Amino acid sequence: MNTILSPTADPKQSLRDVAFDLPGRFAIARWAPIPLWLIVGFGFMEHGFAKLSKGPDAFAAILHALAVPAPHFVAWFTILTELLGGLAILLGAFVSLVSLPMAVLLLVAIFTVHLPYGFSSIKLIAVGATGAQFGPPGYECKLLYLACLAALVLGGSGPWAIDGLLRKNRRTVKHKRHHEWSAL
């Protein structure tokens, strides 16, 4: 078998192997989802706690000002989705299921709040005696969250995720049943 270090290896093929099969070459690549679920889970939970600590009525008033229908229901739906969805992502549990309402929240935030402010999330207006002053954030961070959710759904949640443990357990049970039926 030709490897990158082999003198008989085809250099073009070796470069293609490295470029297009990086996760397959490095065992550590399977751990890549962990930072994603840590930041996405923590980030969503933090936003949910912030809304809860200020009071759901305060968030409902903001939603009402944005002409969102049923603002109290949407406020609670948002808070619970951020808290419970964030926790599920943090644990790597039911990622495909909880990502859908989380993605909906992100898209609604983009189109109702952030879109008019452009892409950039950081708009430095001035630096004064009290520190930096920033303008309203664009939709950049929301897109990053969406990309992280998509990566977790499409690429899997990683080895420590509850989803992976459940999938492994299901395969074991299915394999046992198959052997039990074969023995009959």
C-alpha atoms as a PDB file:
ATOM      1  CA  MET A   1       0.000   0.000   0.000  1.00  0.00           C
ATOM      2  CA  ASN A   2       1.389   3.381  -0.980  1.00  0.00           C
ATOM      3  CA  THR A   3       1.464   6.038   1.693  1.00  0.00           C
ATOM      4  CA  ILE A   4       2.573   9.633   1.702  1.00  0.00           C
ATOM      5  CA  LEU A   5       5.890   8.597   3.218  1.00  0.00           C
ATOM      6  CA  SER A   6       6.511   5.794   0.733  1.00  0.00           C
ATOM      7  CA  PRO A   7       9.082   6.554  -1.972  1.00  0.00           C
ATOM      8  CA  THR A   8       6.864   4.745  -4.510  1.00  0.00           C
ATOM      9  CA  ALA A   9       3.749   6.736  -3.684  1.00  0.00           C
ATOM     10  CA  ASP A  10       2.152   8.799  -6.455  1.00  0.00           C
ATOM     11  CA  PRO A  11       2.473  12.402  -5.187  1.00  0.00           C
ATOM     12  CA  LYS A  12      -0.759  13.562  -6.865  1.00  0.00           C
ATOM     13  CA  GLN A  13      -2.762  10.701  -5.394  1.00  0.00           C
ATOM     14  CA  SER A  14      -1.186  11.259  -1.986  1.00  0.00           C
ATOM     15  CA  LEU A  15      -2.174  14.940  -2.061  1.00  0.00           C
ATOM     16  CA  ARG A  16      -5.726  14.012  -3.093  1.00  0.00           C
ATOM     17  CA  ASP A  17      -5.894  11.478  -0.266  1.00  0.00           C
ATOM     18  CA  VAL A  18      -4.765  14.062   2.278  1.00  0.00           C
ATOM     19  CA  ALA A  19      -6.978  16.840   0.905  1.00  0.00           C
ATOM     20  CA  PHE A  20     -10.164  14.844   0.530  1.00  0.00           C
ATOM     21  CA  ASP A  21      -9.909  12.245   3.273  1.00  0.00           C
ATOM     22  CA  LEU A  22      -8.522  14.267   6.169  1.00  0.00           C
ATOM     23  CA  PRO A  23     -11.093  12.966   8.705  1.00  0.00           C
ATOM     24  CA  GLY A  24     -10.388   9.387   7.591  1.00  0.00           C
ATOM     25  CA  ARG A  25      -6.655   9.856   8.140  1.00  0.00           C
ATOM     26  CA  PHE A  26      -6.780  11.286  11.636  1.00  0.00           C
ATOM     27  CA  ALA A  27      -8.564   9.499  14.473  1.00  0.00           C
ATOM     28  CA  ILE A  28      -8.951  12.786  16.324  1.00  0.00           C
ATOM     29  CA  ALA A  29     -11.335  14.042  13.607  1.00  0.00           C
ATOM     30  CA  ARG A  30     -14.190  12.097  15.167  1.00  0.00           C
ATOM     31  CA  TRP A  31     -14.004  14.491  18.116  1.00  0.00           C
ATOM     32  CA  ALA A  32     -14.601  17.550  15.888  1.00  0.00           C
ATOM     33  CA  PRO A  33     -18.331  17.864  16.727  1.00  0.00           C
ATOM     34  CA  ILE A  34     -17.644  18.377  20.444  1.00  0.00           C
ATOM     35  CA  PRO A  35     -16.696  22.070  20.191  1.00  0.00           C
ATOM     36  CA  LEU A  36     -19.748  22.609  18.002  1.00  0.00           C
ATOM     37  CA  TRP A  37     -22.193  21.174  20.509  1.00  0.00           C
ATOM     38  CA  LEU A  38     -20.492  22.926  23.383  1.00  0.00           C
ATOM     39  CA  ILE A  39     -20.714  26.398  21.832  1.00  0.00           C
ATOM     40  CA  VAL A  40     -24.151  25.938  20.244  1.00  0.00           C
ATOM     41  CA  GLY A  41     -25.648  24.312  23.331  1.00  0.00           C
ATOM     42  CA  PHE A  42     -24.162  26.834  25.733  1.00  0.00           C
ATOM     43  CA  GLY A  43     -24.988  29.753  23.422  1.00  0.00           C
ATOM     44  CA  PHE A  44     -28.652  28.819  23.085  1.00  0.00           C
ATOM     45  CA  MET A  45     -29.014  28.144  26.794  1.00  0.00           C
ATOM     46  CA  GLU A  46     -27.371  31.473  27.628  1.00  0.00           C
ATOM     47  CA  HIS A  47     -29.823  33.332  25.379  1.00  0.00           C
ATOM     48  CA  GLY A  48     -32.730  31.436  26.928  1.00  0.00           C
ATOM     49  CA  PHE A  49     -31.561  32.238  30.477  1.00  0.00           C
ATOM     50  CA  ALA A  50     -31.116  35.916  29.558  1.00  0.00           C
ATOM     51  CA  LYS A  51     -34.694  36.116  28.285  1.00  0.00           C
ATOM     52  CA  LEU A  52     -35.985  34.236  31.330  1.00  0.00           C
ATOM     53  CA  SER A  53     -34.053  36.390  33.809  1.00  0.00           C
ATOM     54  CA  LYS A  54     -35.396  39.621  32.303  1.00  0.00           C
ATOM     55  CA  GLY A  55     -38.857  38.124  32.379  1.00  0.00           C
ATOM     56  CA  PRO A  56     -40.802  36.493  29.564  1.00  0.00           C
ATOM     57  CA  ASP A  57     -43.132  39.520  29.535  1.00  0.00           C
ATOM     58  CA  ALA A  58     -40.213  41.796  28.589  1.00  0.00           C
ATOM     59  CA  PHE A  59     -39.372  39.549  25.633  1.00  0.00           C
ATOM     60  CA  ALA A  60     -43.054  39.311  24.700  1.00  0.00           C
ATOM     61  CA  ALA A  61     -43.178  43.138  24.612  1.00  0.00           C
ATOM     62  CA  ILE A  62     -40.254  43.154  22.168  1.00  0.00           C
ATOM     63  CA  LEU A  63     -42.019  40.570  20.027  1.00  0.00           C
ATOM     64  CA  HIS A  64     -45.217  42.626  20.163  1.00  0.00           C
ATOM     65  CA  ALA A  65     -43.281  45.710  18.961  1.00  0.00           C
ATOM     66  CA  LEU A  66     -41.987  43.609  16.049  1.00  0.00           C
ATOM     67  CA  ALA A  67     -45.634  42.689  15.224  1.00  0.00           C
ATOM     68  CA  VAL A  68     -45.027  38.994  15.940  1.00  0.00           C
ATOM     69  CA  PRO A  69     -48.400  37.252  16.341  1.00  0.00           C
ATOM     70  CA  ALA A  70     -49.187  35.703  19.758  1.00  0.00           C
ATOM     71  CA  PRO A  71     -46.140  37.338  21.385  1.00  0.00           C
ATOM     72  CA  HIS A  72     -46.561  35.663  24.809  1.00  0.00           C
ATOM     73  CA  PHE A  73     -46.810  32.202  23.274  1.00  0.00           C
ATOM     74  CA  VAL A  74     -43.855  32.895  20.962  1.00  0.00           C
ATOM     75  CA  ALA A  75     -41.837  34.288  23.903  1.00  0.00           C
ATOM     76  CA  TRP A  76     -42.316  31.106  25.924  1.00  0.00           C
ATOM     77  CA  PHE A  77     -41.785  28.888  22.862  1.00  0.00           C
ATOM     78  CA  THR A  78     -38.514  30.711  22.162  1.00  0.00           C
ATOM     79  CA  ILE A  79     -37.294  30.542  25.755  1.00  0.00           C
ATOM     80  CA  LEU A  80     -38.105  26.837  26.106  1.00  0.00           C
ATOM     81  CA  THR A  81     -36.611  26.026  22.707  1.00  0.00           C
ATOM     82  CA  GLU A  82     -33.411  27.857  23.608  1.00  0.00           C
ATOM     83  CA  LEU A  83     -33.141  26.245  27.050  1.00  0.00           C
ATOM     84  CA  LEU A  84     -34.222  22.691  26.229  1.00  0.00           C
ATOM     85  CA  GLY A  85     -32.818  22.661  22.699  1.00  0.00           C
ATOM     86  CA  GLY A  86     -29.533  24.080  23.973  1.00  0.00           C
ATOM     87  CA  LEU A  87     -29.360  21.412  26.664  1.00  0.00           C
ATOM     88  CA  ALA A  88     -30.119  18.668  24.135  1.00  0.00           C
ATOM     89  CA  ILE A  89     -27.371  19.925  21.814  1.00  0.00           C
ATOM     90  CA  LEU A  90     -24.967  20.236  24.755  1.00  0.00           C
ATOM     91  CA  LEU A  91     -25.596  16.572  25.546  1.00  0.00           C
ATOM     92  CA  GLY A  92     -25.646  15.490  21.909  1.00  0.00           C
ATOM     93  CA  ALA A  93     -29.179  14.190  22.384  1.00  0.00           C
ATOM     94  CA  PHE A  94     -31.924  14.236  19.738  1.00  0.00           C
ATOM     95  CA  VAL A  95     -29.816  16.670  17.697  1.00  0.00           C
ATOM     96  CA  SER A  96     -31.727  16.162  14.434  1.00  0.00           C
ATOM     97  CA  LEU A  97     -35.049  16.661  16.189  1.00  0.00           C
ATOM     98  CA  VAL A  98     -34.219  19.769  18.245  1.00  0.00           C
ATOM     99  CA  SER A  99     -32.248  21.423  15.435  1.00  0.00           C
ATOM    100  CA  LEU A 100     -35.396  22.126  13.430  1.00  0.00           C
ATOM    101  CA  PRO A 101     -37.138  24.495  15.894  1.00  0.00           C
ATOM    102  CA  MET A 102     -33.749  26.011  16.751  1.00  0.00           C
ATOM    103  CA  ALA A 103     -33.108  26.708  13.058  1.00  0.00           C
ATOM    104  CA  VAL A 104     -36.578  28.239  12.756  1.00  0.00           C
ATOM    105  CA  LEU A 105     -35.781  30.618  15.642  1.00  0.00           C
ATOM    106  CA  LEU A 106     -32.523  31.626  13.967  1.00  0.00           C
ATOM    107  CA  LEU A 107     -34.191  32.244  10.610  1.00  0.00           C
ATOM    108  CA  VAL A 108     -36.980  34.283  12.205  1.00  0.00           C
ATOM    109  CA  ALA A 109     -34.365  36.371  14.054  1.00  0.00           C
ATOM    110  CA  ILE A 110     -32.467  36.943  10.803  1.00  0.00           C
ATOM    111  CA  PHE A 111     -35.510  38.068   8.836  1.00  0.00           C
ATOM    112  CA  THR A 112     -37.283  40.065  11.553  1.00  0.00           C
ATOM    113  CA  VAL A 113     -34.345  41.751  13.311  1.00  0.00           C
ATOM    114  CA  HIS A 114     -30.852  41.336  11.866  1.00  0.00           C
ATOM    115  CA  LEU A 115     -31.221  41.489   8.063  1.00  0.00           C
ATOM    116  CA  PRO A 116     -31.484  45.296   7.795  1.00  0.00           C
ATOM    117  CA  TYR A 117     -28.160  45.651   9.638  1.00  0.00           C
ATOM    118  CA  GLY A 118     -26.175  43.642   7.091  1.00  0.00           C
ATOM    119  CA  PHE A 119     -23.870  40.711   7.509  1.00  0.00           C
ATOM    120  CA  SER A 120     -21.353  41.775  10.143  1.00  0.00           C
ATOM    121  CA  SER A 121     -22.148  41.060  13.766  1.00  0.00           C
ATOM    122  CA  ILE A 122     -19.658  43.603  15.063  1.00  0.00           C
ATOM    123  CA  LYS A 123     -20.126  47.249  14.127  1.00  0.00           C
ATOM    124  CA  LEU A 124     -17.731  49.424  16.060  1.00  0.00           C
ATOM    125  CA  ILE A 125     -19.194  52.931  16.221  1.00  0.00           C
ATOM    126  CA  ALA A 126     -16.775  54.634  18.575  1.00  0.00           C
ATOM    127  CA  VAL A 127     -14.387  54.143  21.451  1.00  0.00           C
ATOM    128  CA  GLY A 128     -14.848  56.569  24.291  1.00  0.00           C
ATOM    129  CA  ALA A 129     -14.069  56.955  27.964  1.00  0.00           C
ATOM    130  CA  THR A 130     -16.673  54.278  28.797  1.00  0.00           C
ATOM    131  CA  GLY A 131     -15.247  51.825  26.282  1.00  0.00           C
ATOM    132  CA  ALA A 132     -16.276  50.581  22.874  1.00  0.00           C
ATOM    133  CA  GLN A 133     -19.720  51.376  21.497  1.00  0.00           C
ATOM    134  CA  PHE A 134     -21.261  49.018  18.995  1.00  0.00           C
ATOM    135  CA  GLY A 135     -24.130  49.319  16.554  1.00  0.00           C
ATOM    136  CA  PRO A 136     -26.862  46.738  16.012  1.00  0.00           C
ATOM    137  CA  PRO A 137     -25.577  43.292  15.031  1.00  0.00           C
ATOM    138  CA  GLY A 138     -26.074  41.799  11.593  1.00  0.00           C
ATOM    139  CA  TYR A 139     -26.945  38.206  10.803  1.00  0.00           C
ATOM    140  CA  GLU A 140     -23.422  36.739  10.791  1.00  0.00           C
ATOM    141  CA  CYS A 141     -23.686  34.914  14.148  1.00  0.00           C
ATOM    142  CA  LYS A 142     -27.097  33.512  13.286  1.00  0.00           C
ATOM    143  CA  LEU A 143     -25.628  32.027  10.099  1.00  0.00           C
ATOM    144  CA  LEU A 144     -22.762  30.529  12.091  1.00  0.00           C
ATOM    145  CA  TYR A 145     -25.242  28.890  14.470  1.00  0.00           C
ATOM    146  CA  LEU A 146     -27.201  27.550  11.477  1.00  0.00           C
ATOM    147  CA  ALA A 147     -23.993  26.172   9.956  1.00  0.00           C
ATOM    148  CA  CYS A 148     -23.070  24.470  13.245  1.00  0.00           C
ATOM    149  CA  LEU A 149     -26.527  22.906  13.543  1.00  0.00           C
ATOM    150  CA  ALA A 150     -26.312  21.681   9.933  1.00  0.00           C
ATOM    151  CA  ALA A 151     -22.851  20.214  10.575  1.00  0.00           C
ATOM    152  CA  LEU A 152     -24.111  18.372  13.668  1.00  0.00           C
ATOM    153  CA  VAL A 153     -27.191  17.023  11.879  1.00  0.00           C
ATOM    154  CA  LEU A 154     -25.364  15.979   8.711  1.00  0.00           C
ATOM    155  CA  GLY A 155     -22.042  14.890  10.206  1.00  0.00           C
ATOM    156  CA  GLY A 156     -23.182  13.405  13.482  1.00  0.00           C
ATOM    157  CA  SER A 157     -22.746  14.534  17.059  1.00  0.00           C
ATOM    158  CA  GLY A 158     -19.533  12.722  17.906  1.00  0.00           C
ATOM    159  CA  PRO A 159     -18.464   9.822  20.111  1.00  0.00           C
ATOM    160  CA  TRP A 160     -19.636  11.182  23.458  1.00  0.00           C
ATOM    161  CA  ALA A 161     -23.057  12.245  22.216  1.00  0.00           C
ATOM    162  CA  ILE A 162     -26.131  10.560  23.620  1.00  0.00           C
ATOM    163  CA  ASP A 163     -27.391  10.112  20.040  1.00  0.00           C
ATOM    164  CA  GLY A 164     -24.342   7.965  19.256  1.00  0.00           C
ATOM    165  CA  LEU A 165     -24.824   5.875  22.385  1.00  0.00           C
ATOM    166  CA  LEU A 166     -28.502   5.344  21.564  1.00  0.00           C
ATOM    167  CA  ARG A 167     -27.647   4.389  17.980  1.00  0.00           C
ATOM    168  CA  LYS A 168     -24.978   1.960  19.217  1.00  0.00           C
ATOM    169  CA  ASN A 169     -27.439   0.432  21.717  1.00  0.00           C
ATOM    170  CA  ARG A 170     -30.083   0.034  18.984  1.00  0.00           C
ATOM    171  CA  ARG A 171     -27.574  -1.748  16.744  1.00  0.00           C
ATOM    172  CA  THR A 172     -26.618  -4.095  19.602  1.00  0.00           C
ATOM    173  CA  VAL A 173     -30.263  -4.948  20.321  1.00  0.00           C
ATOM    174  CA  LYS A 174     -30.986  -5.440  16.608  1.00  0.00           C
ATOM    175  CA  HIS A 175     -27.904  -7.653  16.268  1.00  0.00           C
ATOM    176  CA  LYS A 176     -28.982  -9.756  19.297  1.00  0.00           C
ATOM    177  CA  ARG A 177     -32.479 -10.224  17.861  1.00  0.00           C
ATOM    178  CA  HIS A 178     -31.021 -11.303  14.543  1.00  0.00           C
ATOM    179  CA  HIS A 179     -28.874 -13.941  16.266  1.00  0.00           C
ATOM    180  CA  GLU A 180     -31.809 -15.131  18.371  1.00  0.00           C
ATOM    181  CA  TRP A 181     -33.931 -15.596  15.246  1.00  0.00           C
ATOM    182  CA  SER A 182     -31.045 -17.304  13.448  1.00  0.00           C
ATOM    183  CA  ALA A 183     -30.665 -19.776  16.310  1.00  0.00           C
ATOM    184  CA  LEU A 184     -34.289 -20.891  15.961  1.00  0.00           C
END
